[in-house]
Amino acid sequence: MSLLERTGMTQSAPDLAASGTSVRSKGAASGAGALLSETETSWPLQPMLPLTTQQRLQASLYDRPRGGPREQILSPTQRMRKCRSTEILHSSLEEPLTTWKSLEPVRPKWPTLWRRYHLKDGIRVKDQDTILVEARDTMVKTKKGLLRDSSGFVTYSETHRRKVEIDAIFLAQIVNGGIPGGGHAWTPKVLERIFKERTGRIGSWNHYEVPIKHFLALFPKTFQQFGPDMQFVRLRNLLRPVLVDDSEDAMSRLACARERGFIEPQPHIEGTVGLHNEELMETFAAIDDGQATSFADIKLNLRAKTACLPELRDHRMKVAYKSTDVRAVTPNLARKPFSR
């Protein structure tokens, strides 16, 4: 006789190896062989506890149609700063970050405005993965010509910018080659398939849920989309099968598109008609047809409102645009073209 049988624990301990159909009911005799019904059990069901905040966040990672998991909004150093009191060491930091040091993004366009030690902020540490630049999305007419200005600031992830740049370089090399199947022009669908076959990756546009047509529109100097509904793509300059556009400008266009709902390939000149003026074109067509149209309608539709594209507003690329008055934020910057 074992120790459990002598102490009588075999009568109270459940048999975890046995299935639920082999458990006998309490009122049945030892040799009767009566089984428990579906409504009768020796282990009452426990009510489901509400999910915690962390469990809901983990469950939201799977709520995506494609691509990778949702990424954190804050950078890794910013997240670690809220839960650690010791020095923070990360690959994006030039020096250890502590509580008595201030963390700020990198401003590559303003190298002379940054100082490691500030009288009020103390020692300043740059986060190399968070980049803050001017949008440079408008053109202002001056007496000496056009001046490229900004309507706000753009913040993006340096890691995402490098991924976008690498994928754009591969796409330019693929478009420069022969078209499979003997077609007369590349299509975004075929280009996406060949990219996956040659690189083994789905591309950063699929990973962050940006349609490939809009991804190619971020590089207007490199790729040219033509045909009805932009169904074909080719290199704008066949003699330069490389990435001509600056990837920083591409991230700026994508950040402005999240706010506005459309991609503007070139900076908009104040007082002129842009490329996204469908309502204005309809107004001109109505004038050509002989329909009465007042000048008030033309003035109202001078900057036509295009339909908001959800794929441009709901993508998961870490880019953000904030509209501000640049002259009010940086009054000491001289607003004139740079001269060499």
Foldseek 3Di string as FASTA:
>chain_A
DDPCVVVVVVVVDDDPVDDQQQDADPPDDPPPRHHDDPVDDPDDDDDDDDDDPVRVVVVVQPPDPFAHGFDDLDDPVVVVQVPDQDWDDDPQWPDTDHPLAAEDEDEVVCPPVDDQADPPRGGYIYRNQKYKYFLQQAWEQDPVGIFGDGQFMKIATPVLLVQLQVLVFVLLVVLLDDDPPPDPFDFQVSSQVVSCVVPVDNGPCRNQQADVVVSVLLQVQFKDFDDVVSGGIHGPDSVDSGRPDDSVNSLSQLQVCLVQQDGQSHRYYPPQAGPPQPVLVVVVVCVVVVHDDDVVSNVVSSPPRDDRDVSSNPTRGNMHIDGDDVCVVCVPDDRDDDDD
